[in-house]
Amino acid sequence: MCGIVGLHLKNRTLYPRLGELLTPMLLAMGDRGPDSAGIALYENSLPDDCLRYSLRAPAPGYAWDELAERLTIALGTDVQVRRAADDAVLTMRGDPACVLAQVQCSAPDVGVFAYGRAMEIYKGVGDPGTICRRYGIIERGGYQGLGHTRMATESAVTTDHSHPFAAAADLCLVHNGSFSNYATVRRRLVDDGVTFQTDNDSEVAARFLARQMAEGADLVQALRHMMRALDGFFTLLVASHEQFAVVRDAFACKPAVIAESEDYVAMASEYRALAELPGIDEARVFEPEPEEIYVWSR
């Protein structure tokens, strides 16, 4: 039993309030997942040739400025550092494959949560209140966000195993449920050259979607392929640079509710996470249908 929340803002005047609106939604789902929590934020995009990298420190007090200097020399590009508690977001130009390879070479003990023009991910072991306070989520702006509170059933309770899972630029997901055949799908992906950071079944879904989209599928097509390939009980919330999508399995036994208004689309495992949103009384509130893919675009 995990808790998932998401908010896709249509009204630009609400962008500065993304964290203020999303934080209480995540806190409301705290009792659904006491093990770990995480959040993905999508802010104003960088230029096409510039990406931000959400990195996990191997230990408190990590020397991010020293890593930035090493990357600047190795990659020949300016690297900007923004600290987030002990972790950091590094922003730089360059091919992401080269950047990620150089991060691994220069700092093999540093974890990579995500990268993209718009997306940043913050997560860790502990309750959602602790995670949100640690990273100052309530003060952050942006145009959409996803959150997750985890009760581990398939893998270890660690920061790396917590959600969201990001497998490509600006693409991430949060998941409530379990996949019964994820090991088989994982082996096929590994045979195709896909690498994994954890043994979490949710990461398999994220990597599968990323592979499908790398081969030319759009988000809806990738989700359809995923539903044919992966068996289980699930509610998934997936976000890309421009889109926000919700899908449930054929039995829809994992709870989900959506609220849509002129100002936003909000999704959560339970309605109580939506109850304090502005204008919720005028929003259209509904339960997503089984195997129906709901997508909203900027």
Protein backbone atom coordinates (compact mmCIF):
# COMPACT_ATOMS: atom_id res chain seq x y z
CA MET A 1 0.00 0.00 0.00
CA CYS A 2 1.68 3.18 -1.25
CA GLY A 3 0.35 6.66 -1.77
CA ILE A 4 0.74 8.69 -4.95
CA VAL A 5 -0.16 12.29 -5.73
CA GLY A 6 0.25 14.59 -8.69
CA LEU A 7 -0.60 18.10 -9.78
CA HIS A 8 -0.58 19.49 -13.33
CA LEU A 9 -1.21 23.23 -13.35
CA LYS A 10 -3.10 24.86 -16.21
CA ASN A 11 -3.29 28.34 -14.66
CA ARG A 12 0.12 30.02 -14.87
CA THR A 13 -0.66 32.25 -11.90
CA LEU A 14 -0.49 29.10 -9.75
CA TYR A 15 3.03 28.16 -10.89
CA PRO A 16 4.72 29.90 -7.92
CA ARG A 17 2.48 27.87 -5.57
CA LEU A 18 3.24 24.37 -6.91
CA GLY A 19 5.15 23.28 -3.81
CA GLU A 20 2.66 24.95 -1.48
CA LEU A 21 -0.19 22.99 -3.09
CA LEU A 22 1.62 19.69 -3.61
CA THR A 23 3.21 19.36 -0.16
CA PRO A 24 -0.04 18.93 1.84
CA MET A 25 -1.26 16.46 -0.78
CA LEU A 26 1.80 14.30 -0.15
CA LEU A 27 1.56 14.69 3.62
CA ALA A 28 -2.04 13.46 3.51
CA MET A 29 -0.79 10.17 2.03
CA GLY A 30 1.88 9.66 4.71
CA ASP A 31 0.06 6.82 6.44
CA ARG A 32 -0.06 4.87 3.17
CA GLY A 33 3.73 4.71 3.00
CA PRO A 34 5.94 5.25 6.06
CA ASP A 35 9.15 3.83 4.58
CA SER A 36 10.31 6.53 2.18
CA ALA A 37 9.03 9.43 0.12
CA GLY A 38 9.95 11.41 -2.93
CA ILE A 39 8.82 14.16 -5.22
CA ALA A 40 9.46 15.26 -8.81
CA LEU A 41 9.09 18.93 -9.74
CA TYR A 42 8.85 20.36 -13.24
CA GLU A 43 9.92 23.99 -13.44
CA ASN A 44 10.53 26.44 -16.27
CA SER A 45 12.58 24.67 -18.91
CA LEU A 46 16.21 25.36 -19.70
CA PRO A 47 17.50 25.92 -23.25
CA ASP A 48 17.56 22.82 -25.47
CA ASP A 49 21.30 22.28 -25.01
CA CYS A 50 21.27 22.67 -21.22
CA LEU A 51 20.11 20.08 -18.69
CA ARG A 52 19.83 19.79 -14.91
CA TYR A 53 21.00 16.67 -13.07
CA SER A 54 19.53 15.69 -9.69
CA LEU A 55 22.36 14.02 -7.77
CA ARG A 56 22.48 12.14 -4.46
CA ALA A 57 25.35 12.75 -2.08
CA PRO A 58 27.21 9.65 -0.88
CA ALA A 59 27.60 11.25 2.56
CA PRO A 60 26.73 14.49 4.39
CA GLY A 61 28.91 17.46 3.54
CA TYR A 62 29.84 16.20 0.09
CA ALA A 63 32.13 18.59 -1.84
CA TRP A 64 29.86 19.46 -4.76
CA ASP A 65 31.98 22.44 -5.86
CA GLU A 66 34.98 20.15 -6.28
CA LEU A 67 32.93 17.77 -8.42
CA ALA A 68 31.71 20.71 -10.51
CA GLU A 69 35.32 21.79 -11.10
CA ARG A 70 36.30 18.30 -12.22
CA LEU A 71 33.33 18.11 -14.58
CA THR A 72 34.06 21.57 -15.98
CA ILE A 73 37.58 20.49 -16.89
CA ALA A 74 36.58 17.08 -18.22
CA LEU A 75 33.58 18.24 -20.26
CA GLY A 76 34.78 21.70 -21.23
CA THR A 77 31.58 23.39 -20.10
CA ASP A 78 30.51 25.58 -17.22
CA VAL A 79 28.80 23.66 -14.40
CA GLN A 80 26.44 25.43 -12.02
CA VAL A 81 25.71 23.96 -8.58
CA ARG A 82 22.56 24.39 -6.52
CA ARG A 83 22.60 22.55 -3.21
CA ALA A 84 19.51 20.86 -1.83
CA ALA A 85 20.25 19.74 1.74
CA ASP A 86 23.17 17.31 1.28
CA ASP A 87 22.24 16.63 -2.35
CA ALA A 88 22.60 18.93 -5.35
CA VAL A 89 21.28 19.87 -8.77
CA LEU A 90 24.01 20.47 -11.35
CA THR A 91 23.17 22.40 -14.50
CA MET A 92 25.36 22.24 -17.62
CA ARG A 93 25.44 21.95 -21.37
CA GLY A 94 26.51 18.83 -23.19
CA ASP A 95 25.31 15.46 -24.40
CA PRO A 96 23.62 13.73 -21.43
CA ALA A 97 25.25 10.37 -22.17
CA CYS A 98 28.68 12.01 -21.97
CA VAL A 99 27.75 13.92 -18.82
CA LEU A 100 26.40 10.84 -17.06
CA ALA A 101 29.45 8.81 -18.04
CA GLN A 102 31.74 11.52 -16.72
CA VAL A 103 29.82 11.78 -13.44
CA GLN A 104 30.23 8.02 -13.02
CA CYS A 105 33.96 8.28 -13.81
CA SER A 106 34.63 11.34 -11.64
CA ALA A 107 32.39 10.39 -8.73
CA PRO A 108 31.30 6.74 -8.84
CA ASP A 109 29.77 7.01 -5.36
CA VAL A 110 27.37 9.80 -6.40
CA GLY A 111 23.85 8.70 -7.35
CA VAL A 112 21.87 10.14 -10.24
CA PHE A 113 18.18 10.53 -9.49
CA ALA A 114 17.14 12.24 -12.72
CA TYR A 115 18.02 14.66 -15.46
CA GLY A 116 16.17 16.87 -17.90
CA ARG A 117 15.40 20.39 -19.02
CA ALA A 118 12.59 20.81 -16.48
CA MET A 119 12.56 17.91 -13.99
CA GLU A 120 14.21 17.65 -10.59
CA ILE A 121 13.74 14.75 -8.16
CA TYR A 122 14.20 14.71 -4.39
CA LYS A 123 13.71 11.57 -2.33
CA GLY A 124 14.89 9.63 0.67
CA VAL A 125 14.11 7.24 3.50
CA GLY A 126 11.63 8.67 5.97
CA ASP A 127 8.15 10.13 6.14
CA PRO A 128 7.00 12.71 3.57
CA GLY A 129 7.06 15.58 6.06
CA THR A 130 10.76 15.00 6.70
CA ILE A 131 11.56 14.80 2.99
CA CYS A 132 9.56 17.93 2.13
CA ARG A 133 11.19 19.94 4.93
CA ARG A 134 14.67 18.69 4.05
CA TYR A 135 14.40 19.96 0.48
CA GLY A 136 12.18 23.00 1.04
CA ILE A 137 9.51 21.64 -1.30
CA ILE A 138 6.78 23.94 0.00
CA GLU A 139 8.68 26.97 -1.30
CA ARG A 140 9.22 25.63 -4.81
CA GLY A 141 7.40 26.68 -7.96
CA GLY A 142 6.77 24.92 -11.24
CA TYR A 143 4.08 23.72 -13.59
CA GLN A 144 3.63 20.11 -12.45
CA GLY A 145 4.77 17.67 -9.81
CA LEU A 146 4.50 14.04 -8.70
CA GLY A 147 4.87 12.60 -5.22
CA HIS A 148 5.03 9.17 -3.60
CA THR A 149 4.96 7.64 -0.13
CA ARG A 150 6.21 4.07 -0.06
CA MET A 151 5.37 0.92 1.82
CA ALA A 152 7.98 -1.51 0.51
CA THR A 153 6.77 -4.92 -0.69
CA GLU A 154 9.14 -5.91 -3.49
CA SER A 155 12.55 -4.52 -2.55
CA ALA A 156 14.71 -2.86 0.09
CA VAL A 157 13.94 0.37 1.92
CA THR A 158 16.66 2.69 0.65
CA THR A 159 16.82 6.09 -0.98
CA ASP A 160 17.59 4.55 -4.36
CA HIS A 161 14.60 2.21 -4.12
CA SER A 162 12.18 5.02 -3.32
CA HIS A 163 10.02 6.74 -5.94
CA PRO A 164 9.82 8.61 -8.31
CA PHE A 165 11.80 6.59 -10.83
CA ALA A 166 13.27 8.47 -13.78
CA ALA A 167 14.61 6.57 -16.77
CA ALA A 168 15.03 9.28 -19.43
CA ALA A 169 15.20 13.03 -19.71
CA ASP A 170 12.17 14.62 -18.01
CA LEU A 171 10.37 11.25 -17.81
CA CYS A 172 9.40 9.74 -14.45
CA LEU A 173 6.71 7.71 -12.74
CA VAL A 174 5.25 6.87 -9.37
CA HIS A 175 3.51 3.55 -8.78
CA ASN A 176 1.10 1.98 -6.34
CA GLY A 177 0.85 -1.77 -6.72
CA SER A 178 3.10 -4.58 -7.93
CA PHE A 179 4.07 -6.30 -11.17
CA SER A 180 4.09 -10.09 -11.09
CA ASN A 181 6.33 -10.68 -14.13
CA TYR A 182 8.76 -7.79 -13.75
CA ALA A 183 11.78 -10.11 -13.45
CA THR A 184 11.07 -11.58 -16.89
CA VAL A 185 10.64 -8.14 -18.47
CA ARG A 186 13.77 -6.92 -16.71
CA ARG A 187 15.84 -9.77 -18.14
CA ARG A 188 14.65 -8.89 -21.65
CA LEU A 189 15.58 -5.25 -21.15
CA VAL A 190 19.01 -6.17 -19.75
CA ASP A 191 19.57 -8.38 -22.80
CA ASP A 192 18.81 -5.30 -24.93
CA GLY A 193 21.46 -3.29 -23.09
CA VAL A 194 19.28 -1.46 -20.55
CA THR A 195 20.97 -0.88 -17.18
CA PHE A 196 19.23 -0.76 -13.80
CA GLN A 197 20.06 0.93 -10.50
CA THR A 198 17.80 -1.20 -8.28
CA ASP A 199 15.81 -4.44 -8.19
CA ASN A 200 12.55 -2.50 -7.74
CA ASP A 201 9.65 -3.63 -9.95
CA SER A 202 8.64 0.00 -10.52
CA GLU A 203 12.01 0.76 -12.09
CA VAL A 204 11.28 -1.95 -14.65
CA ALA A 205 8.13 -0.07 -15.70
CA ALA A 206 10.08 3.19 -15.94
CA ARG A 207 12.86 1.62 -18.02
CA PHE A 208 10.33 -0.12 -20.26
CA LEU A 209 8.54 3.17 -20.99
CA ALA A 210 11.83 4.93 -21.67
CA ARG A 211 12.91 2.21 -24.10
CA GLN A 212 9.59 2.36 -25.96
CA MET A 213 9.78 6.14 -26.29
CA ALA A 214 13.42 5.99 -27.40
CA GLU A 215 12.26 3.72 -30.21
CA GLY A 216 9.68 6.27 -31.36
CA ALA A 217 6.53 5.65 -29.33
CA ASP A 218 4.71 8.57 -27.78
CA LEU A 219 3.70 8.41 -24.13
CA VAL A 220 0.26 6.90 -24.79
CA GLN A 221 1.67 4.26 -27.13
CA ALA A 222 4.41 3.42 -24.63
CA LEU A 223 1.84 2.98 -21.85
CA ARG A 224 -0.22 0.67 -24.05
CA HIS A 225 2.86 -1.44 -24.79
CA MET A 226 3.65 -1.51 -21.06
CA MET A 227 0.17 -2.75 -20.15
CA ARG A 228 0.56 -5.62 -22.62
CA ALA A 229 4.04 -6.52 -21.37
CA LEU A 230 3.69 -6.17 -17.59
CA ASP A 231 1.16 -8.10 -15.51
CA GLY A 232 -0.02 -7.00 -12.10
CA PHE A 233 -2.17 -4.66 -10.09
CA PHE A 234 -1.21 -1.02 -10.44
CA THR A 235 -2.04 2.62 -10.57
CA LEU A 236 0.61 4.61 -12.38
CA LEU A 237 1.14 8.35 -12.59
CA VAL A 238 3.63 9.27 -15.31
CA ALA A 239 4.98 12.67 -16.29
CA SER A 240 7.09 13.90 -19.17
CA HIS A 241 8.27 17.36 -20.14
CA GLU A 242 4.87 18.23 -21.62
CA GLN A 243 2.45 15.57 -20.35
CA PHE A 244 0.81 14.16 -17.23
CA ALA A 245 -0.78 10.69 -17.46
CA VAL A 246 -2.73 8.29 -15.24
CA VAL A 247 -3.45 4.62 -15.93
CA ARG A 248 -4.77 1.66 -13.93
CA ASP A 249 -4.74 -2.07 -14.58
CA ALA A 250 -7.71 -4.09 -15.83
CA PHE A 251 -9.06 -4.76 -12.32
CA ALA A 252 -8.46 -1.23 -10.97
CA CYS A 253 -8.07 -2.53 -7.44
CA LYS A 254 -5.51 0.12 -6.49
CA PRO A 255 -7.33 3.32 -5.53
CA ALA A 256 -7.14 6.53 -7.55
CA VAL A 257 -9.14 9.72 -7.88
CA ILE A 258 -8.76 12.65 -10.28
CA ALA A 259 -9.98 16.23 -9.93
CA GLU A 260 -10.00 18.52 -12.97
CA SER A 261 -10.81 22.21 -13.04
CA GLU A 262 -9.97 25.17 -15.26
CA ASP A 263 -6.87 25.72 -13.10
CA TYR A 264 -5.40 22.24 -12.67
CA VAL A 265 -5.54 18.47 -12.91
CA ALA A 266 -4.88 16.76 -9.59
CA MET A 267 -4.57 13.05 -8.88
CA ALA A 268 -4.18 11.08 -5.65
CA SER A 269 -4.68 7.66 -4.15
CA GLU A 270 -7.43 9.08 -1.93
CA TYR A 271 -9.71 12.11 -2.14
CA ARG A 272 -8.53 13.49 1.20
CA ALA A 273 -5.27 14.48 -0.51
CA LEU A 274 -7.27 16.72 -2.85
CA ALA A 275 -9.74 18.15 -0.37
CA GLU A 276 -7.84 21.38 0.39
CA LEU A 277 -7.00 22.37 -3.17
CA PRO A 278 -8.38 25.76 -4.25
CA GLY A 279 -11.66 25.46 -6.10
CA ILE A 280 -12.02 21.74 -5.43
CA ASP A 281 -15.78 22.15 -4.88
CA GLU A 282 -16.15 23.27 -8.51
CA ALA A 283 -13.80 20.65 -9.95
CA ARG A 284 -14.94 17.55 -11.81
CA VAL A 285 -13.97 14.66 -9.52
CA PHE A 286 -13.95 11.11 -10.86
CA GLU A 287 -12.33 7.70 -10.52
CA PRO A 288 -10.24 6.68 -13.55
CA GLU A 289 -11.59 3.69 -15.43
CA PRO A 290 -9.65 0.40 -15.75
CA GLU A 291 -7.09 0.32 -18.58
CA GLU A 292 -8.09 3.82 -19.70
CA ILE A 293 -5.12 6.14 -20.31
CA TYR A 294 -5.79 9.69 -19.19
CA VAL A 295 -3.36 12.29 -20.55
CA TRP A 296 -3.13 16.05 -20.18
CA SER A 297 -0.66 18.19 -22.12
CA ARG A 298 0.71 21.68 -21.65
